[in-house]
Amino acid sequence: MSTFFEKLKETKLVKGAVYALVGALSYPGLTLVNRLQINGMDHLQKLPKKNVLFVSNHQTYFADVITFLHIFCAVSWRKKNGLGVPYYLLWPFTRVKYVAAEETMKSSFISKLFTLAGALTVKRTWRADGTEVRRNLDPSDTRKIERALQNNWVITFPQGTTKPFAPGRKGTAFIIKQHRPIVIPVVISGFWRAFNKKGLKFKKKGSLLSVTFKEPLNIDYNDTSEKILEQVMDAIEQSKKFMLKSKHHLMSAIDK
């Protein structure tokens, strides 16, 4: 019976219904209550429908991913300069998976519902039950992501936390090195200002939300995991050299 439900939740019917519901509820908050600016949508136009890995910085648990899903659906309807009217929710692009912390996705009814939108739940390497810990990478989590890449676009947050400039996890580099996906760096900003940490409640209305998709990374897959991770962290502007350029900490302190 559990296998039946596992297969059922992967159907386009179920995922499409979840996308439509979540999309309809979130669209006003992204485009009317706040302002959404999308750059680089042209980089998504000719991507294959599988083995594409989006690597991004992370600012809220859910608002970041929800925004990505909106954009991917809009691109599948050949939109190039923004979301526009969300008729794309009538037939959404559902071949998307996203990496999420297991404990987060079990924390509430809404998070459990959103798991149906394509969550790949993994054990955090940095936290467990609200306590800071350091785990080694779980091989089963890596296999989940590798299997997902075979038929989907996958969104991952190399830092595994919403804390800015946290170090990246080597697991991301390992997956890139082993599976050789097309890697699209994404830089987001403004979400931490507009939403609470979960990304489900407004914190400051009228904020500018920015999502920038960069060109695919030119990766030497034979390079070391350390160098690949360094390249990724530079691309998503979360490496040490970007730390001093950022106003995030200052603006966060002012907002509080």
C-alpha atoms as a PDB file:
ATOM      1  CA  MET A   1       0.000   0.000   0.000  1.00  0.00           C
ATOM      2  CA  SER A   2       2.832   2.421   0.844  1.00  0.00           C
ATOM      3  CA  THR A   3       4.368   1.764  -2.579  1.00  0.00           C
ATOM      4  CA  PHE A   4       1.035   2.633  -4.206  1.00  0.00           C
ATOM      5  CA  PHE A   5       0.876   5.968  -2.406  1.00  0.00           C
ATOM      6  CA  GLU A   6       4.532   6.672  -3.233  1.00  0.00           C
ATOM      7  CA  LYS A   7       3.734   6.201  -6.912  1.00  0.00           C
ATOM      8  CA  LEU A   8       0.492   8.168  -6.633  1.00  0.00           C
ATOM      9  CA  LYS A   9       2.127  11.264  -5.191  1.00  0.00           C
ATOM     10  CA  GLU A  10       4.610  11.253  -8.081  1.00  0.00           C
ATOM     11  CA  THR A  11       1.867  11.487 -10.702  1.00  0.00           C
ATOM     12  CA  LYS A  12       1.417  14.722 -12.619  1.00  0.00           C
ATOM     13  CA  LEU A  13      -2.194  14.861 -11.410  1.00  0.00           C
ATOM     14  CA  VAL A  14      -1.254  14.998  -7.713  1.00  0.00           C
ATOM     15  CA  LYS A  15       1.821  17.205  -8.143  1.00  0.00           C
ATOM     16  CA  GLY A  16      -0.081  19.475 -10.519  1.00  0.00           C
ATOM     17  CA  ALA A  17      -2.869  19.917  -7.972  1.00  0.00           C
ATOM     18  CA  VAL A  18      -0.358  20.806  -5.251  1.00  0.00           C
ATOM     19  CA  TYR A  19       1.418  23.259  -7.569  1.00  0.00           C
ATOM     20  CA  ALA A  20      -1.888  24.900  -8.489  1.00  0.00           C
ATOM     21  CA  LEU A  21      -2.962  25.238  -4.849  1.00  0.00           C
ATOM     22  CA  VAL A  22       0.381  26.481  -3.528  1.00  0.00           C
ATOM     23  CA  GLY A  23       0.876  28.674  -6.586  1.00  0.00           C
ATOM     24  CA  ALA A  24      -2.527  30.352  -6.293  1.00  0.00           C
ATOM     25  CA  LEU A  25      -2.018  31.064  -2.583  1.00  0.00           C
ATOM     26  CA  SER A  26       1.542  32.380  -2.979  1.00  0.00           C
ATOM     27  CA  TYR A  27       1.251  34.416  -6.196  1.00  0.00           C
ATOM     28  CA  PRO A  28      -0.214  37.581  -4.563  1.00  0.00           C
ATOM     29  CA  GLY A  29       2.512  37.647  -1.915  1.00  0.00           C
ATOM     30  CA  LEU A  30       5.254  37.449  -4.524  1.00  0.00           C
ATOM     31  CA  THR A  31       3.926  39.898  -7.095  1.00  0.00           C
ATOM     32  CA  LEU A  32       1.327  42.140  -5.432  1.00  0.00           C
ATOM     33  CA  VAL A  33       2.282  42.428  -1.757  1.00  0.00           C
ATOM     34  CA  ASN A  34       5.955  42.451  -2.756  1.00  0.00           C
ATOM     35  CA  ARG A  35       7.780  43.017  -6.068  1.00  0.00           C
ATOM     36  CA  LEU A  36       9.449  40.126  -7.881  1.00  0.00           C
ATOM     37  CA  GLN A  37      12.356  40.797 -10.226  1.00  0.00           C
ATOM     38  CA  ILE A  38      13.602  37.862 -12.303  1.00  0.00           C
ATOM     39  CA  ASN A  39      16.867  37.993 -14.239  1.00  0.00           C
ATOM     40  CA  GLY A  40      18.279  35.408 -16.609  1.00  0.00           C
ATOM     41  CA  MET A  41      15.078  33.563 -17.552  1.00  0.00           C
ATOM     42  CA  ASP A  42      16.609  33.160 -21.012  1.00  0.00           C
ATOM     43  CA  HIS A  43      19.180  30.776 -19.497  1.00  0.00           C
ATOM     44  CA  LEU A  44      16.336  28.338 -18.762  1.00  0.00           C
ATOM     45  CA  GLN A  45      14.714  28.304 -22.192  1.00  0.00           C
ATOM     46  CA  LYS A  46      16.690  25.512 -23.878  1.00  0.00           C
ATOM     47  CA  LEU A  47      17.636  23.340 -20.932  1.00  0.00           C
ATOM     48  CA  PRO A  48      16.953  19.593 -21.174  1.00  0.00           C
ATOM     49  CA  LYS A  49      14.155  18.246 -18.969  1.00  0.00           C
ATOM     50  CA  LYS A  50      16.553  16.150 -16.860  1.00  0.00           C
ATOM     51  CA  ASN A  51      20.010  16.170 -15.262  1.00  0.00           C
ATOM     52  CA  VAL A  52      19.894  19.884 -14.481  1.00  0.00           C
ATOM     53  CA  LEU A  53      20.998  20.988 -11.011  1.00  0.00           C
ATOM     54  CA  PHE A  54      20.090  24.442  -9.706  1.00  0.00           C
ATOM     55  CA  VAL A  55      22.399  25.583  -6.905  1.00  0.00           C
ATOM     56  CA  SER A  56      21.277  28.582  -4.882  1.00  0.00           C
ATOM     57  CA  ASN A  57      21.774  30.534  -1.698  1.00  0.00           C
ATOM     58  CA  HIS A  58      18.945  30.082   0.776  1.00  0.00           C
ATOM     59  CA  GLN A  59      16.950  32.657   2.753  1.00  0.00           C
ATOM     60  CA  THR A  60      13.662  31.035   3.835  1.00  0.00           C
ATOM     61  CA  TYR A  61      12.450  27.462   4.153  1.00  0.00           C
ATOM     62  CA  PHE A  62       9.655  27.634   1.587  1.00  0.00           C
ATOM     63  CA  ALA A  63       9.320  31.009  -0.186  1.00  0.00           C
ATOM     64  CA  ASP A  64      12.550  30.486  -2.169  1.00  0.00           C
ATOM     65  CA  VAL A  65      11.449  27.118  -3.557  1.00  0.00           C
ATOM     66  CA  ILE A  66       7.881  28.261  -4.221  1.00  0.00           C
ATOM     67  CA  THR A  67       9.244  31.159  -6.271  1.00  0.00           C
ATOM     68  CA  PHE A  68      11.459  28.810  -8.286  1.00  0.00           C
ATOM     69  CA  LEU A  69       8.456  26.607  -9.061  1.00  0.00           C
ATOM     70  CA  HIS A  70       6.498  29.634 -10.276  1.00  0.00           C
ATOM     71  CA  ILE A  71       9.379  30.648 -12.536  1.00  0.00           C
ATOM     72  CA  PHE A  72       9.927  27.162 -13.948  1.00  0.00           C
ATOM     73  CA  CYS A  73       6.226  26.833 -14.754  1.00  0.00           C
ATOM     74  CA  ALA A  74       6.215  30.271 -16.394  1.00  0.00           C
ATOM     75  CA  VAL A  75       9.262  29.333 -18.512  1.00  0.00           C
ATOM     76  CA  SER A  76       7.546  26.123 -19.629  1.00  0.00           C
ATOM     77  CA  TRP A  77       4.791  28.379 -21.040  1.00  0.00           C
ATOM     78  CA  ARG A  78       7.508  30.372 -22.864  1.00  0.00           C
ATOM     79  CA  LYS A  79       7.382  33.428 -20.654  1.00  0.00           C
ATOM     80  CA  LYS A  80      10.657  35.360 -20.780  1.00  0.00           C
ATOM     81  CA  ASN A  81      10.416  38.512 -18.691  1.00  0.00           C
ATOM     82  CA  GLY A  82       8.438  37.616 -15.585  1.00  0.00           C
ATOM     83  CA  LEU A  83       5.507  35.639 -14.267  1.00  0.00           C
ATOM     84  CA  GLY A  84       2.691  37.715 -15.746  1.00  0.00           C
ATOM     85  CA  VAL A  85      -0.800  36.295 -15.316  1.00  0.00           C
ATOM     86  CA  PRO A  86      -0.378  32.849 -13.696  1.00  0.00           C
ATOM     87  CA  TYR A  87      -2.340  30.802 -16.219  1.00  0.00           C
ATOM     88  CA  TYR A  88       0.711  28.495 -16.213  1.00  0.00           C
ATOM     89  CA  LEU A  89      -0.768  26.975 -13.035  1.00  0.00           C
ATOM     90  CA  LEU A  90      -3.467  25.342 -15.162  1.00  0.00           C
ATOM     91  CA  TRP A  91      -0.859  22.913 -16.505  1.00  0.00           C
ATOM     92  CA  PRO A  92       2.345  23.342 -14.467  1.00  0.00           C
ATOM     93  CA  PHE A  93       5.795  21.995 -15.178  1.00  0.00           C
ATOM     94  CA  THR A  94       6.175  19.359 -12.474  1.00  0.00           C
ATOM     95  CA  ARG A  95       9.454  17.639 -13.355  1.00  0.00           C
ATOM     96  CA  VAL A  96      11.157  19.412 -10.484  1.00  0.00           C
ATOM     97  CA  LYS A  97      12.583  18.124  -7.216  1.00  0.00           C
ATOM     98  CA  TYR A  98      14.056  20.151  -4.392  1.00  0.00           C
ATOM     99  CA  VAL A  99      16.319  19.174  -1.519  1.00  0.00           C
ATOM    100  CA  ALA A 100      14.852  19.873   1.935  1.00  0.00           C
ATOM    101  CA  ALA A 101      15.725  19.007   5.515  1.00  0.00           C
ATOM    102  CA  GLU A 102      13.785  15.993   6.762  1.00  0.00           C
ATOM    103  CA  GLU A 103      12.966  17.571  10.133  1.00  0.00           C
ATOM    104  CA  THR A 104      11.613  20.711   8.436  1.00  0.00           C
ATOM    105  CA  MET A 105       9.286  18.810   6.124  1.00  0.00           C
ATOM    106  CA  LYS A 106       7.753  16.900   9.051  1.00  0.00           C
ATOM    107  CA  SER A 107       7.201  19.952  11.232  1.00  0.00           C
ATOM    108  CA  SER A 108       3.654  20.948  10.176  1.00  0.00           C
ATOM    109  CA  PHE A 109       0.674  20.068   7.994  1.00  0.00           C
ATOM    110  CA  ILE A 110       1.680  22.684   5.410  1.00  0.00           C
ATOM    111  CA  SER A 111       5.212  21.336   5.159  1.00  0.00           C
ATOM    112  CA  LYS A 112       3.901  17.774   4.794  1.00  0.00           C
ATOM    113  CA  LEU A 113       1.582  18.958   2.029  1.00  0.00           C
ATOM    114  CA  PHE A 114       4.406  20.750   0.276  1.00  0.00           C
ATOM    115  CA  THR A 115       6.433  17.550   0.359  1.00  0.00           C
ATOM    116  CA  LEU A 116       4.082  16.379  -2.401  1.00  0.00           C
ATOM    117  CA  ALA A 117       5.462  19.128  -4.639  1.00  0.00           C
ATOM    118  CA  GLY A 118       8.676  17.137  -5.031  1.00  0.00           C
ATOM    119  CA  ALA A 119      10.700  17.274  -1.822  1.00  0.00           C
ATOM    120  CA  LEU A 120      13.840  15.166  -1.544  1.00  0.00           C
ATOM    121  CA  THR A 121      14.114  14.931   2.221  1.00  0.00           C
ATOM    122  CA  VAL A 122      17.636  14.598   3.585  1.00  0.00           C
ATOM    123  CA  LYS A 123      19.154  14.563   7.040  1.00  0.00           C
ATOM    124  CA  ARG A 124      20.832  17.824   7.862  1.00  0.00           C
ATOM    125  CA  THR A 125      24.585  17.635   8.254  1.00  0.00           C
ATOM    126  CA  TRP A 126      24.548  20.615  10.616  1.00  0.00           C
ATOM    127  CA  ARG A 127      21.445  20.327  12.815  1.00  0.00           C
ATOM    128  CA  ALA A 128      19.222  17.734  14.462  1.00  0.00           C
ATOM    129  CA  ASP A 129      16.208  18.424  16.711  1.00  0.00           C
ATOM    130  CA  GLY A 130      17.199  22.068  17.026  1.00  0.00           C
ATOM    131  CA  THR A 131      20.737  21.244  18.158  1.00  0.00           C
ATOM    132  CA  GLU A 132      23.912  22.047  16.256  1.00  0.00           C
ATOM    133  CA  VAL A 133      25.629  18.814  15.260  1.00  0.00           C
ATOM    134  CA  ARG A 134      27.948  17.691  12.500  1.00  0.00           C
ATOM    135  CA  ARG A 135      27.061  14.505  10.663  1.00  0.00           C
ATOM    136  CA  ASN A 136      28.854  12.812   7.840  1.00  0.00           C
ATOM    137  CA  LEU A 137      26.980  12.782   4.538  1.00  0.00           C
ATOM    138  CA  ASP A 138      24.368  10.029   4.406  1.00  0.00           C
ATOM    139  CA  PRO A 139      24.971   7.991   1.205  1.00  0.00           C
ATOM    140  CA  SER A 140      21.239   7.258   0.902  1.00  0.00           C
ATOM    141  CA  ASP A 141      20.538  11.002   0.667  1.00  0.00           C
ATOM    142  CA  THR A 142      23.058  11.331  -2.146  1.00  0.00           C
ATOM    143  CA  ARG A 143      21.424   8.456  -4.015  1.00  0.00           C
ATOM    144  CA  LYS A 144      18.016  10.159  -3.746  1.00  0.00           C
ATOM    145  CA  ILE A 145      19.365  13.225  -5.506  1.00  0.00           C
ATOM    146  CA  GLU A 146      21.204  11.224  -8.135  1.00  0.00           C
ATOM    147  CA  ARG A 147      18.035   9.249  -8.956  1.00  0.00           C
ATOM    148  CA  ALA A 148      15.992  12.441  -9.140  1.00  0.00           C
ATOM    149  CA  LEU A 149      18.414  13.974 -11.648  1.00  0.00           C
ATOM    150  CA  GLN A 150      17.744  11.112 -14.045  1.00  0.00           C
ATOM    151  CA  ASN A 151      14.302  12.512 -14.904  1.00  0.00           C
ATOM    152  CA  ASN A 152      14.040  15.973 -13.343  1.00  0.00           C
ATOM    153  CA  TRP A 153      15.424  19.372 -12.621  1.00  0.00           C
ATOM    154  CA  VAL A 154      16.722  19.434  -9.042  1.00  0.00           C
ATOM    155  CA  ILE A 155      17.049  22.470  -6.768  1.00  0.00           C
ATOM    156  CA  THR A 156      19.616  22.295  -3.992  1.00  0.00           C
ATOM    157  CA  PHE A 157      20.969  24.740  -1.454  1.00  0.00           C
ATOM    158  CA  PRO A 158      24.652  23.851  -0.918  1.00  0.00           C
ATOM    159  CA  GLN A 159      24.802  25.612   2.439  1.00  0.00           C
ATOM    160  CA  GLY A 160      21.879  23.650   3.875  1.00  0.00           C
ATOM    161  CA  THR A 161      20.919  26.622   6.032  1.00  0.00           C
ATOM    162  CA  THR A 162      19.380  30.077   5.675  1.00  0.00           C
ATOM    163  CA  LYS A 163      22.384  31.618   7.420  1.00  0.00           C
ATOM    164  CA  PRO A 164      24.285  33.764   4.884  1.00  0.00           C
ATOM    165  CA  PHE A 165      27.886  32.827   4.032  1.00  0.00           C
ATOM    166  CA  ALA A 166      27.697  29.490   5.826  1.00  0.00           C
ATOM    167  CA  PRO A 167      30.160  27.002   4.301  1.00  0.00           C
ATOM    168  CA  GLY A 168      28.956  24.815   1.448  1.00  0.00           C
ATOM    169  CA  ARG A 169      28.577  21.074   1.844  1.00  0.00           C
ATOM    170  CA  LYS A 170      30.870  18.738  -0.045  1.00  0.00           C
ATOM    171  CA  GLY A 171      27.905  16.506  -0.877  1.00  0.00           C
ATOM    172  CA  THR A 172      26.846  18.987  -3.550  1.00  0.00           C
ATOM    173  CA  ALA A 173      30.265  18.847  -5.191  1.00  0.00           C
ATOM    174  CA  PHE A 174      30.272  15.053  -4.957  1.00  0.00           C
ATOM    175  CA  ILE A 175      26.952  14.835  -6.805  1.00  0.00           C
ATOM    176  CA  ILE A 176      28.196  17.218  -9.507  1.00  0.00           C
ATOM    177  CA  LYS A 177      31.411  15.279  -9.908  1.00  0.00           C
ATOM    178  CA  GLN A 178      29.727  11.876 -10.065  1.00  0.00           C
ATOM    179  CA  HIS A 179      26.572  12.628 -12.076  1.00  0.00           C
ATOM    180  CA  ARG A 180      27.845  15.498 -14.261  1.00  0.00           C
ATOM    181  CA  PRO A 181      24.643  17.554 -14.456  1.00  0.00           C
ATOM    182  CA  ILE A 182      24.234  20.942 -16.094  1.00  0.00           C
ATOM    183  CA  VAL A 183      24.718  23.294 -13.127  1.00  0.00           C
ATOM    184  CA  ILE A 184      22.775  26.565 -13.040  1.00  0.00           C
ATOM    185  CA  PRO A 185      23.795  29.002 -10.264  1.00  0.00           C
ATOM    186  CA  VAL A 186      21.024  31.095  -8.738  1.00  0.00           C
ATOM    187  CA  VAL A 187      21.386  34.172  -6.543  1.00  0.00           C
ATOM    188  CA  ILE A 188      18.362  35.338  -4.568  1.00  0.00           C
ATOM    189  CA  SER A 189      17.892  38.384  -2.359  1.00  0.00           C
ATOM    190  CA  GLY A 190      15.164  40.151  -0.434  1.00  0.00           C
ATOM    191  CA  PHE A 191      13.338  37.043   0.791  1.00  0.00           C
ATOM    192  CA  TRP A 192      14.804  37.273   4.298  1.00  0.00           C
ATOM    193  CA  ARG A 193      13.495  40.829   4.494  1.00  0.00           C
ATOM    194  CA  ALA A 194      10.015  40.125   3.131  1.00  0.00           C
ATOM    195  CA  PHE A 195       9.194  36.854   4.916  1.00  0.00           C
ATOM    196  CA  ASN A 196       9.757  35.137   8.223  1.00  0.00           C
ATOM    197  CA  LYS A 197      12.237  32.272   8.372  1.00  0.00           C
ATOM    198  CA  LYS A 198       9.735  29.679   7.154  1.00  0.00           C
ATOM    199  CA  GLY A 199       8.698  31.961   4.305  1.00  0.00           C
ATOM    200  CA  LEU A 200       4.990  31.591   5.040  1.00  0.00           C
ATOM    201  CA  LYS A 201       4.303  34.918   6.811  1.00  0.00           C
ATOM    202  CA  PHE A 202       5.035  38.486   5.787  1.00  0.00           C
ATOM    203  CA  LYS A 203       7.664  40.375   7.724  1.00  0.00           C
ATOM    204  CA  LYS A 204       8.054  43.506   5.604  1.00  0.00           C
ATOM    205  CA  LYS A 205       5.625  44.207   2.768  1.00  0.00           C
ATOM    206  CA  GLY A 206       6.657  46.042  -0.386  1.00  0.00           C
ATOM    207  CA  SER A 207      10.065  44.366  -0.506  1.00  0.00           C
ATOM    208  CA  LEU A 208      11.976  43.752  -3.709  1.00  0.00           C
ATOM    209  CA  LEU A 209      12.479  40.028  -4.259  1.00  0.00           C
ATOM    210  CA  SER A 210      15.263  39.292  -6.703  1.00  0.00           C
ATOM    211  CA  VAL A 211      16.055  35.981  -8.431  1.00  0.00           C
ATOM    212  CA  THR A 212      18.996  35.815 -10.851  1.00  0.00           C
ATOM    213  CA  PHE A 213      19.714  32.742 -12.961  1.00  0.00           C
ATOM    214  CA  LYS A 214      23.256  32.703 -14.267  1.00  0.00           C
ATOM    215  CA  GLU A 215      24.688  30.857 -17.250  1.00  0.00           C
ATOM    216  CA  PRO A 216      25.531  27.155 -16.772  1.00  0.00           C
ATOM    217  CA  LEU A 217      28.839  26.671 -14.999  1.00  0.00           C
ATOM    218  CA  ASN A 218      31.790  25.492 -17.049  1.00  0.00           C
ATOM    219  CA  ILE A 219      32.894  22.672 -14.752  1.00  0.00           C
ATOM    220  CA  ASP A 220      35.860  20.367 -14.994  1.00  0.00           C
ATOM    221  CA  TYR A 221      34.219  17.222 -13.637  1.00  0.00           C
ATOM    222  CA  ASN A 222      37.641  15.654 -13.115  1.00  0.00           C
ATOM    223  CA  ASP A 223      38.597  18.407 -10.697  1.00  0.00           C
ATOM    224  CA  THR A 224      38.618  17.804  -6.948  1.00  0.00           C
ATOM    225  CA  SER A 225      35.397  18.104  -4.946  1.00  0.00           C
ATOM    226  CA  GLU A 226      36.967  20.982  -3.020  1.00  0.00           C
ATOM    227  CA  LYS A 227      37.592  23.006  -6.180  1.00  0.00           C
ATOM    228  CA  ILE A 228      34.159  22.267  -7.600  1.00  0.00           C
ATOM    229  CA  LEU A 229      32.543  23.379  -4.332  1.00  0.00           C
ATOM    230  CA  GLU A 230      34.642  26.548  -4.365  1.00  0.00           C
ATOM    231  CA  GLN A 231      33.438  27.283  -7.905  1.00  0.00           C
ATOM    232  CA  VAL A 232      29.815  26.755  -6.862  1.00  0.00           C
ATOM    233  CA  MET A 233      30.075  28.979  -3.792  1.00  0.00           C
ATOM    234  CA  ASP A 234      31.644  31.765  -5.851  1.00  0.00           C
ATOM    235  CA  ALA A 235      28.861  31.441  -8.432  1.00  0.00           C
ATOM    236  CA  ILE A 236      26.071  31.792  -5.849  1.00  0.00           C
ATOM    237  CA  GLU A 237      28.012  34.659  -4.234  1.00  0.00           C
ATOM    238  CA  GLN A 238      28.344  33.021  -0.829  1.00  0.00           C
ATOM    239  CA  SER A 239      32.118  32.591  -0.671  1.00  0.00           C
ATOM    240  CA  LYS A 240      34.394  34.594   1.601  1.00  0.00           C
ATOM    241  CA  LYS A 241      35.282  37.109  -1.088  1.00  0.00           C
ATOM    242  CA  PHE A 242      31.618  38.160  -1.292  1.00  0.00           C
ATOM    243  CA  MET A 243      31.125  38.391   2.468  1.00  0.00           C
ATOM    244  CA  LEU A 244      32.572  41.873   2.899  1.00  0.00           C
ATOM    245  CA  LYS A 245      30.610  43.165  -0.110  1.00  0.00           C
ATOM    246  CA  SER A 246      27.262  42.138   1.342  1.00  0.00           C
ATOM    247  CA  LYS A 247      24.915  44.463   3.218  1.00  0.00           C
ATOM    248  CA  HIS A 248      22.847  41.539   4.498  1.00  0.00           C
ATOM    249  CA  HIS A 249      24.062  41.633   8.107  1.00  0.00           C
ATOM    250  CA  LEU A 250      23.765  45.419   8.354  1.00  0.00           C
ATOM    251  CA  MET A 251      20.258  45.531   6.850  1.00  0.00           C
ATOM    252  CA  SER A 252      19.140  42.613   9.010  1.00  0.00           C
ATOM    253  CA  ALA A 253      20.232  44.476  12.115  1.00  0.00           C
ATOM    254  CA  ILE A 254      18.397  47.624  10.973  1.00  0.00           C
ATOM    255  CA  ASP A 255      15.182  45.713  10.245  1.00  0.00           C
ATOM    256  CA  LYS A 256      15.184  44.251  13.739  1.00  0.00           C
END
